[in-house]
């Protein structure tokens, strides 16, 4: 039985004994996770935000989840699942509901396979995020198989007992100078052994021993029967390079995005380690931004407003030459009068007990600069809802020079109401 350890952001792992408030890992798993964190710290500065390592008196070493969510799967099948820490007015904050929310957030990432995720089609109570991803890939491949695997011409070279196509004279001389009955030939065959199918088969073979779900494993076995005449890819990079995403191959696009994720670690961000089979981890700051932008686009529509993400219209300075690009997370323009509104999303828990509620002074400087450069009617910092701030609907900071920075909160379990409140600021 493959073991899954689930934790939320800012939760901590220990080993050796059970302590309230911590999740205990077996020593070997703890060491694997520690090695994974240290390996990626040395490779990438961003990985410093991945997980924290510390030591506490009477407890020993502690590993604390930080700003990344997703899954880490070890070579022995052990899975670490990290979920977002979400505060809500709703009483239902179960792990299954948080996983469904994470799936909804992942669906808003651009140029990724996650946009087709459907949390209603899988039992998220019993499946970890990795198994959900596998399920989505399987569903895509079933769709392809149902419509028929695409065929193409493949050039085959072989030392045959018959003559077909054209003779390869150099190979004929090399291999058949004493076997006149044979012919070393090259010919084109129309079959399913094309790069895209090879990649799908390689992905199915890769996932079969790594899945702990009996349904996923059974369905993979069924699918592999449909790929009996396909060779599994032995050169992923080369086969992906041969894939041409034209209209004829439209059915394959999402499945091959999943293949990139599983075979080459091409997720939003990827990490590696000697004891780690796969790590699919997502920075919550980026997920939160993407999700809020998608909600605003859907709510505002395209008739009255234009919504852009990571806008690159202005630089902080224009002389000598344009310097210091400004990239606000979300820019909303009201088409009727050209009014501009700036929003920056911050995945951070504010609290009454913190100086300035925990709002960063650097963030305030940045929002002030956005307001001045864009001539914005107002600018807004958007945070996840928290029970630790008394101002449930938000706050507002005003300067005597006309600058206004609004603070707004989003209840991720009641996004319709929160989005409506955000949009009210634009009318």
Protein backbone atom coordinates (compact mmCIF):
# COMPACT_ATOMS: atom_id res chain seq x y z
CA UNK A 1 0.00 0.00 0.00
CA UNK A 2 1.48 3.32 -1.09
CA UNK A 3 1.28 5.93 1.67
CA UNK A 4 0.05 9.51 1.26
CA UNK A 5 0.94 12.22 3.77
CA UNK A 6 -1.21 15.33 3.49
CA UNK A 7 -0.30 18.75 4.80
CA UNK A 8 -1.48 22.33 4.31
CA UNK A 9 0.67 25.41 3.78
CA UNK A 10 2.56 26.40 6.94
CA UNK A 11 2.00 22.94 8.41
CA UNK A 12 5.06 21.01 9.58
CA UNK A 13 6.56 17.52 9.41
CA UNK A 14 8.70 15.93 12.10
CA UNK A 15 10.04 12.42 12.62
CA UNK A 16 10.68 10.03 15.48
CA UNK A 17 7.68 10.78 17.70
CA UNK A 18 4.14 12.14 17.67
CA UNK A 19 3.59 15.74 18.74
CA UNK A 20 0.31 17.66 18.59
CA UNK A 21 0.26 20.14 15.72
CA UNK A 22 2.80 18.22 13.62
CA UNK A 23 2.61 15.37 11.12
CA UNK A 24 5.06 12.56 11.81
CA UNK A 25 6.96 10.98 8.91
CA UNK A 26 8.97 7.74 9.03
CA UNK A 27 12.71 8.50 9.33
CA UNK A 28 13.52 7.38 5.77
CA UNK A 29 10.73 9.50 4.23
CA UNK A 30 11.76 12.52 6.32
CA UNK A 31 15.37 12.13 5.15
CA UNK A 32 14.23 11.84 1.52
CA UNK A 33 12.19 15.03 1.82
CA UNK A 34 15.03 16.86 3.56
CA UNK A 35 17.47 15.80 0.82
CA UNK A 36 15.00 16.97 -1.84
CA UNK A 37 14.72 20.43 -0.26
CA UNK A 38 18.49 20.84 0.16
CA UNK A 39 19.17 19.69 -3.42
CA UNK A 40 16.79 22.26 -4.88
CA UNK A 41 17.97 25.05 -2.62
CA UNK A 42 21.43 24.72 -4.14
CA UNK A 43 20.01 24.88 -7.68
CA UNK A 44 17.39 27.60 -7.54
CA UNK A 45 16.89 30.63 -5.33
CA UNK A 46 13.12 30.30 -5.73
CA UNK A 47 13.29 26.93 -4.02
CA UNK A 48 14.08 28.76 -0.76
CA UNK A 49 10.33 29.39 -0.65
CA UNK A 50 9.55 25.71 -1.19
CA UNK A 51 9.86 24.39 2.35
CA UNK A 52 11.59 25.57 5.49
CA UNK A 53 14.09 23.51 7.48
CA UNK A 54 14.55 24.23 11.16
CA UNK A 55 15.15 22.58 14.53
CA UNK A 56 13.12 22.97 17.71
CA UNK A 57 14.07 22.06 21.22
CA UNK A 58 12.47 18.86 22.37
CA UNK A 59 11.20 18.07 18.86
CA UNK A 60 14.24 17.93 16.60
CA UNK A 61 14.28 18.73 12.90
CA UNK A 62 11.16 20.33 11.43
CA UNK A 63 10.15 20.67 7.76
CA UNK A 64 7.53 23.39 7.18
CA UNK A 65 5.51 23.84 3.98
CA UNK A 66 5.64 27.38 2.67
CA UNK A 67 4.31 28.94 -0.52
CA UNK A 68 4.09 25.94 -2.86
CA UNK A 69 1.25 23.45 -3.20
CA UNK A 70 1.01 20.22 -5.18
CA UNK A 71 2.55 16.78 -4.85
CA UNK A 72 5.94 15.17 -4.30
CA UNK A 73 6.13 11.45 -5.14
CA UNK A 74 9.10 9.42 -3.89
CA UNK A 75 10.68 6.50 -5.73
CA UNK A 76 9.19 4.07 -3.22
CA UNK A 77 5.66 5.35 -3.98
CA UNK A 78 5.27 7.55 -0.90
CA UNK A 79 3.42 10.77 -1.78
CA UNK A 80 3.50 14.14 -0.02
CA UNK A 81 0.41 16.22 -0.84
CA UNK A 82 0.53 19.94 0.00
CA UNK A 83 -2.78 21.84 -0.04
CA UNK A 84 -3.47 25.58 0.21
CA UNK A 85 -4.30 27.04 3.60
CA UNK A 86 -7.68 28.65 3.05
CA UNK A 87 -9.74 30.73 5.47
CA UNK A 88 -13.47 31.05 4.87
CA UNK A 89 -16.75 31.98 6.50
CA UNK A 90 -17.97 28.52 5.44
CA UNK A 91 -17.85 25.74 8.00
CA UNK A 92 -16.84 23.23 5.32
CA UNK A 93 -13.09 23.56 4.87
CA UNK A 94 -12.47 19.83 4.38
CA UNK A 95 -9.45 18.57 2.46
CA UNK A 96 -11.72 17.39 -0.38
CA UNK A 97 -13.19 20.88 -0.75
CA UNK A 98 -9.73 22.46 -0.69
CA UNK A 99 -8.59 20.01 -3.39
CA UNK A 100 -11.54 20.97 -5.55
CA UNK A 101 -10.61 24.62 -5.07
CA UNK A 102 -7.00 23.89 -6.03
CA UNK A 103 -8.24 22.17 -9.20
CA UNK A 104 -10.35 25.23 -10.05
CA UNK A 105 -7.31 27.47 -9.59
CA UNK A 106 -5.09 25.21 -11.70
CA UNK A 107 -7.63 25.35 -14.53
CA UNK A 108 -6.92 29.08 -14.97
CA UNK A 109 -3.20 28.62 -15.72
CA UNK A 110 -2.48 29.50 -19.34
CA UNK A 111 -0.81 27.05 -21.76
CA UNK A 112 -1.23 24.10 -19.42
CA UNK A 113 -3.21 20.84 -19.45
CA UNK A 114 -4.96 21.78 -16.21
CA UNK A 115 -7.64 23.85 -17.95
CA UNK A 116 -9.58 20.64 -18.71
CA UNK A 117 -9.53 19.35 -15.14
CA UNK A 118 -12.96 18.28 -13.92
CA UNK A 119 -13.18 17.72 -10.17
CA UNK A 120 -16.73 16.38 -10.51
CA UNK A 121 -15.57 13.37 -12.56
CA UNK A 122 -13.23 11.99 -9.91
CA UNK A 123 -13.50 11.05 -6.26
CA UNK A 124 -11.23 13.68 -4.76
CA UNK A 125 -12.00 12.41 -1.26
CA UNK A 126 -10.12 9.18 -2.06
CA UNK A 127 -7.64 10.42 -4.67
CA UNK A 128 -4.59 12.56 -4.05
CA UNK A 129 -3.75 15.32 -6.52
CA UNK A 130 -1.29 13.09 -8.41
CA UNK A 131 -3.99 10.47 -9.01
CA UNK A 132 -6.38 13.20 -10.16
CA UNK A 133 -3.78 14.32 -12.72
CA UNK A 134 -3.32 10.71 -13.89
CA UNK A 135 -7.11 10.36 -14.20
CA UNK A 136 -7.31 13.45 -16.39
CA UNK A 137 -4.56 12.10 -18.68
CA UNK A 138 -6.30 8.73 -18.93
CA UNK A 139 -9.58 10.42 -19.89
CA UNK A 140 -7.81 12.37 -22.64
CA UNK A 141 -6.21 9.20 -24.04
CA UNK A 142 -9.54 7.33 -23.95
CA UNK A 143 -10.99 10.16 -26.04
CA UNK A 144 -8.17 9.76 -28.58
CA UNK A 145 -8.49 5.97 -28.73
CA UNK A 146 -12.27 6.19 -29.18
CA UNK A 147 -11.76 8.40 -32.25
CA UNK A 148 -8.89 6.25 -33.53
CA UNK A 149 -5.12 6.63 -33.23
CA UNK A 150 -3.66 8.85 -35.93
CA UNK A 151 -1.51 7.12 -38.54
CA UNK A 152 1.38 8.42 -40.63
CA UNK A 153 4.05 7.12 -42.97
CA UNK A 154 7.11 5.73 -41.22
CA UNK A 155 10.36 4.92 -43.03
CA UNK A 156 11.43 1.42 -42.10
CA UNK A 157 14.90 0.02 -42.76
CA UNK A 158 15.37 -3.73 -42.44
CA UNK A 159 17.31 -6.71 -43.70
CA UNK A 160 14.43 -8.56 -45.33
CA UNK A 161 13.89 -11.80 -47.20
CA UNK A 162 11.90 -9.86 -49.77
CA UNK A 163 12.57 -6.77 -51.86
CA UNK A 164 10.40 -3.75 -51.16
CA UNK A 165 10.97 -0.03 -51.61
CA UNK A 166 14.59 0.77 -52.38
CA UNK A 167 17.85 -1.04 -51.86
CA UNK A 168 20.34 0.46 -49.37
CA UNK A 169 23.51 -0.57 -51.17
CA UNK A 170 26.06 0.27 -48.49
CA UNK A 171 24.17 -1.81 -45.89
CA UNK A 172 23.53 -4.55 -48.47
CA UNK A 173 27.26 -4.90 -49.11
CA UNK A 174 28.06 -4.75 -45.40
CA UNK A 175 25.54 -7.31 -44.17
CA UNK A 176 24.59 -9.48 -47.16
CA UNK A 177 27.72 -10.14 -49.21
CA UNK A 178 27.38 -13.84 -48.26
CA UNK A 179 23.56 -13.82 -48.09
CA UNK A 180 22.35 -13.13 -51.60
CA UNK A 181 18.87 -14.28 -50.66
CA UNK A 182 18.40 -11.19 -48.40
CA UNK A 183 17.84 -7.53 -49.27
CA UNK A 184 18.66 -4.56 -47.05
CA UNK A 185 15.83 -2.17 -47.96
CA UNK A 186 14.03 1.00 -46.91
CA UNK A 187 10.32 1.52 -47.46
CA UNK A 188 7.45 3.62 -46.15
CA UNK A 189 4.74 2.01 -44.04
CA UNK A 190 1.45 3.70 -43.08
CA UNK A 191 0.92 2.83 -39.42
CA UNK A 192 0.20 4.15 -35.90
CA UNK A 193 3.84 4.16 -34.85
CA UNK A 194 4.17 7.93 -35.03
CA UNK A 195 5.93 10.18 -32.43
CA UNK A 196 2.73 11.35 -30.71
CA UNK A 197 1.51 7.79 -30.12
CA UNK A 198 4.96 6.72 -28.93
CA UNK A 199 4.88 9.50 -26.33
CA UNK A 200 1.41 8.55 -25.12
CA UNK A 201 2.44 4.90 -24.74
CA UNK A 202 5.61 5.89 -22.88
CA UNK A 203 3.50 8.02 -20.51
CA UNK A 204 1.06 5.17 -19.86
CA UNK A 205 3.97 2.82 -19.12
CA UNK A 206 5.56 5.43 -16.86
CA UNK A 207 2.38 5.98 -14.85
CA UNK A 208 1.26 2.36 -14.42
CA UNK A 209 3.72 1.37 -11.66
CA UNK A 210 3.43 4.79 -10.01
CA UNK A 211 -0.32 4.90 -9.59
CA UNK A 212 -1.86 3.61 -6.38
CA UNK A 213 -5.42 3.78 -7.75
CA UNK A 214 -6.79 0.42 -8.89
CA UNK A 215 -9.15 2.16 -11.32
CA UNK A 216 -6.34 4.20 -12.87
CA UNK A 217 -4.12 1.13 -13.18
CA UNK A 218 -6.88 -0.98 -14.73
CA UNK A 219 -7.71 1.72 -17.26
CA UNK A 220 -4.04 2.14 -18.16
CA UNK A 221 -3.84 -1.62 -18.89
CA UNK A 222 -6.89 -1.34 -21.14
CA UNK A 223 -5.37 1.60 -22.99
CA UNK A 224 -2.02 -0.12 -23.46
CA UNK A 225 -3.81 -2.83 -25.44
CA UNK A 226 -4.80 -0.14 -27.94
CA UNK A 227 -1.13 0.81 -28.29
CA UNK A 228 0.09 -2.74 -28.95
CA UNK A 229 1.45 -1.81 -32.39
CA UNK A 230 3.17 1.35 -31.08
CA UNK A 231 6.74 1.47 -29.80
CA UNK A 232 7.12 3.40 -26.56
CA UNK A 233 9.18 6.56 -27.04
CA UNK A 234 12.85 6.10 -26.21
CA UNK A 235 13.77 9.73 -26.94
CA UNK A 236 11.18 12.08 -25.43
CA UNK A 237 12.85 15.30 -26.51
CA UNK A 238 13.19 14.18 -30.13
CA UNK A 239 9.60 12.91 -30.36
CA UNK A 240 8.16 16.08 -28.82
CA UNK A 241 10.13 18.10 -31.39
CA UNK A 242 8.45 16.11 -34.20
CA UNK A 243 4.96 16.92 -32.93
CA UNK A 244 3.25 19.57 -35.09
CA UNK A 245 0.12 20.94 -33.35
CA UNK A 246 -2.03 21.40 -36.45
CA UNK A 247 -5.80 20.98 -36.81
CA UNK A 248 -5.41 17.31 -37.70
CA UNK A 249 -3.77 16.66 -34.31
CA UNK A 250 -6.10 18.82 -32.21
CA UNK A 251 -7.40 15.80 -30.25
CA UNK A 252 -3.87 15.09 -29.02
CA UNK A 253 -2.97 18.56 -27.71
CA UNK A 254 -4.06 18.23 -24.07
CA UNK A 255 -2.87 14.62 -23.70
CA UNK A 256 0.58 15.63 -24.95
CA UNK A 257 0.69 18.56 -22.54
CA UNK A 258 0.11 15.99 -19.78
CA UNK A 259 2.86 13.80 -21.30
CA UNK A 260 5.28 16.72 -21.01
CA UNK A 261 4.32 17.10 -17.36
CA UNK A 262 4.80 13.43 -16.52
CA UNK A 263 7.77 12.50 -18.75
CA UNK A 264 9.81 15.69 -18.64
CA UNK A 265 8.62 17.49 -15.52
CA UNK A 266 7.34 20.36 -17.68
CA UNK A 267 4.86 21.75 -15.21
CA UNK A 268 4.51 25.38 -14.16
CA UNK A 269 7.63 24.84 -12.12
CA UNK A 270 9.57 21.65 -11.59
CA UNK A 271 11.97 20.32 -9.01
CA UNK A 272 14.10 17.22 -8.85
CA UNK A 273 15.92 14.99 -6.42
CA UNK A 274 17.61 11.60 -6.38
CA UNK A 275 14.90 10.04 -4.19
CA UNK A 276 12.03 11.86 -5.90
CA UNK A 277 10.16 10.30 -8.81
CA UNK A 278 8.08 13.41 -9.52
CA UNK A 279 7.43 16.82 -8.00
CA UNK A 280 4.60 18.94 -9.38
CA UNK A 281 4.54 22.08 -7.28
CA UNK A 282 2.85 25.41 -7.88
CA UNK A 283 3.58 28.80 -6.26
CA UNK A 284 0.37 29.94 -4.58
CA UNK A 285 1.16 33.57 -5.41
CA UNK A 286 0.90 32.75 -9.13
CA UNK A 287 -2.18 30.52 -8.73
CA UNK A 288 -3.98 33.21 -6.73
CA UNK A 289 -3.19 35.86 -9.35
CA UNK A 290 -4.28 33.64 -12.22
CA UNK A 291 -7.53 32.67 -10.47
CA UNK A 292 -8.54 36.24 -9.56
CA UNK A 293 -7.77 37.46 -13.10
CA UNK A 294 -9.91 34.67 -14.60
CA UNK A 295 -12.80 35.47 -12.24
CA UNK A 296 -12.66 39.18 -13.13
CA UNK A 297 -12.57 38.48 -16.87
CA UNK A 298 -15.60 36.24 -16.55
CA UNK A 299 -17.51 38.71 -14.36
CA UNK A 300 -16.76 41.94 -16.22
CA UNK A 301 -17.22 40.60 -19.73
CA UNK A 302 -15.61 42.08 -22.80
CA UNK A 303 -18.27 44.62 -23.80
CA UNK A 304 -17.73 47.23 -21.07
CA UNK A 305 -14.25 46.45 -19.71
CA UNK A 306 -10.86 45.22 -20.89
CA UNK A 307 -8.83 43.10 -18.46
CA UNK A 308 -5.10 42.48 -19.00
CA UNK A 309 -2.71 40.38 -16.91
CA UNK A 310 0.95 41.26 -16.24
CA UNK A 311 0.52 44.50 -18.20
CA UNK A 312 3.68 45.94 -19.80
CA UNK A 313 2.43 49.36 -20.94
CA UNK A 314 4.73 51.55 -18.86
CA UNK A 315 8.24 51.78 -17.48
CA UNK A 316 8.97 53.63 -14.26
CA UNK A 317 11.38 55.95 -16.13
CA UNK A 318 11.41 57.08 -19.75
CA UNK A 319 14.78 58.88 -19.96
CA UNK A 320 17.49 57.98 -20.80
CA UNK A 321 15.59 55.16 -22.50
CA UNK A 322 12.76 53.19 -20.94
CA UNK A 323 13.97 51.62 -17.70
CA UNK A 324 12.42 49.52 -14.92
CA UNK A 325 9.39 47.86 -16.50
CA UNK A 326 6.20 48.07 -14.45
CA UNK A 327 4.12 44.87 -14.45
CA UNK A 328 0.94 45.18 -12.38
CA UNK A 329 -0.83 41.84 -11.95
CA UNK A 330 -4.19 42.98 -13.33
CA UNK A 331 -5.21 46.15 -15.20
CA UNK A 332 -8.93 46.86 -15.73
CA UNK A 333 -9.94 49.55 -18.24
CA UNK A 334 -13.49 50.86 -18.44
CA UNK A 335 -14.21 51.35 -22.12
CA UNK A 336 -16.88 54.02 -21.75
CA UNK A 337 -14.54 56.68 -20.32
CA UNK A 338 -11.07 55.08 -20.32
CA UNK A 339 -10.91 54.86 -16.52
CA UNK A 340 -8.10 52.60 -15.29
CA UNK A 341 -8.03 50.39 -12.19
CA UNK A 342 -4.97 48.44 -10.99
CA UNK A 343 -5.03 45.27 -8.88
CA UNK A 344 -2.13 43.33 -7.40
CA UNK A 345 -2.84 39.98 -5.76
CA UNK A 346 -0.93 38.93 -2.64
CA UNK A 347 -1.10 35.41 -1.23
CA UNK A 348 -0.52 36.50 2.35
CA UNK A 349 -2.52 36.26 5.58
CA UNK A 350 -3.13 39.69 7.10
CA UNK A 351 -3.86 40.07 10.82
CA UNK A 352 -4.89 42.83 13.24
CA UNK A 353 -1.97 41.82 15.46
CA UNK A 354 0.69 42.65 12.83
CA UNK A 355 2.10 46.16 12.20
CA UNK A 356 -0.03 47.66 9.38
CA UNK A 357 -1.88 44.32 9.38
CA UNK A 358 1.15 42.75 7.69
CA UNK A 359 0.84 44.86 4.53
CA UNK A 360 4.32 45.26 3.04
CA UNK A 361 5.66 48.80 2.79
CA UNK A 362 7.34 47.83 -0.49
CA UNK A 363 3.94 46.75 -1.85
CA UNK A 364 2.47 50.12 -0.89
CA UNK A 365 5.31 51.97 -2.64
CA UNK A 366 4.67 49.84 -5.72
CA UNK A 367 0.93 50.54 -5.73
CA UNK A 368 1.55 54.26 -5.30
CA UNK A 369 3.86 54.19 -8.34
CA UNK A 370 1.24 52.29 -10.36
CA UNK A 371 -1.41 54.88 -9.50
CA UNK A 372 0.79 57.78 -10.58
CA UNK A 373 2.16 56.22 -13.78
CA UNK A 374 -1.13 54.78 -15.04
CA UNK A 375 -3.24 57.69 -13.82
CA UNK A 376 -5.44 55.05 -12.19
CA UNK A 377 -8.69 56.01 -10.50
CA UNK A 378 -7.59 53.78 -7.67
CA UNK A 379 -5.34 50.77 -7.05
CA UNK A 380 -6.19 47.67 -5.03
CA UNK A 381 -4.23 45.05 -3.12
CA UNK A 382 -6.18 41.78 -3.11
CA UNK A 383 -5.59 39.26 -0.30
CA UNK A 384 -7.23 35.95 0.63
CA UNK A 385 -9.92 36.28 3.30
CA UNK A 386 -8.72 35.92 6.86
CA UNK A 387 -10.48 35.68 10.21
CA UNK A 388 -7.63 37.63 11.76
CA UNK A 389 -8.66 41.05 10.37
CA UNK A 390 -11.74 42.86 11.70
CA UNK A 391 -12.36 44.72 8.42
CA UNK A 392 -14.24 42.00 6.58
CA UNK A 393 -15.01 44.05 3.43
CA UNK A 394 -11.60 45.71 3.24
CA UNK A 395 -9.80 48.95 4.01
CA UNK A 396 -8.74 52.09 2.20
CA UNK A 397 -5.64 54.28 2.43
CA UNK A 398 -5.81 57.82 1.03
CA UNK A 399 -3.09 60.42 0.40
CA UNK A 400 -3.66 64.18 0.21
CA UNK A 401 -2.18 64.12 -3.30
CA UNK A 402 -5.10 62.07 -4.59
CA UNK A 403 -3.60 58.56 -4.40
CA UNK A 404 -5.90 55.85 -3.02
CA UNK A 405 -4.93 52.26 -2.25
CA UNK A 406 -7.74 49.86 -1.42
CA UNK A 407 -7.36 46.60 0.47
CA UNK A 408 -9.83 43.88 -0.50
CA UNK A 409 -10.32 40.28 0.64
CA UNK A 410 -11.50 37.28 -1.39
CA UNK A 411 -13.33 34.38 0.24
CA UNK A 412 -12.14 31.51 -1.95
CA UNK A 413 -15.09 29.37 -0.89
CA UNK A 414 -17.52 32.16 -1.84
CA UNK A 415 -15.83 33.68 -4.87
CA UNK A 416 -19.06 34.86 -6.50
CA UNK A 417 -19.83 37.25 -3.65
CA UNK A 418 -16.18 38.35 -3.31
CA UNK A 419 -15.80 38.96 -7.05
CA UNK A 420 -19.02 40.97 -7.10
CA UNK A 421 -17.62 43.18 -4.33
CA UNK A 422 -14.36 43.62 -6.24
CA UNK A 423 -16.18 44.56 -9.43
CA UNK A 424 -18.35 47.11 -7.61
CA UNK A 425 -15.23 49.28 -7.32
CA UNK A 426 -15.09 49.67 -11.12
CA UNK A 427 -18.54 51.20 -11.62
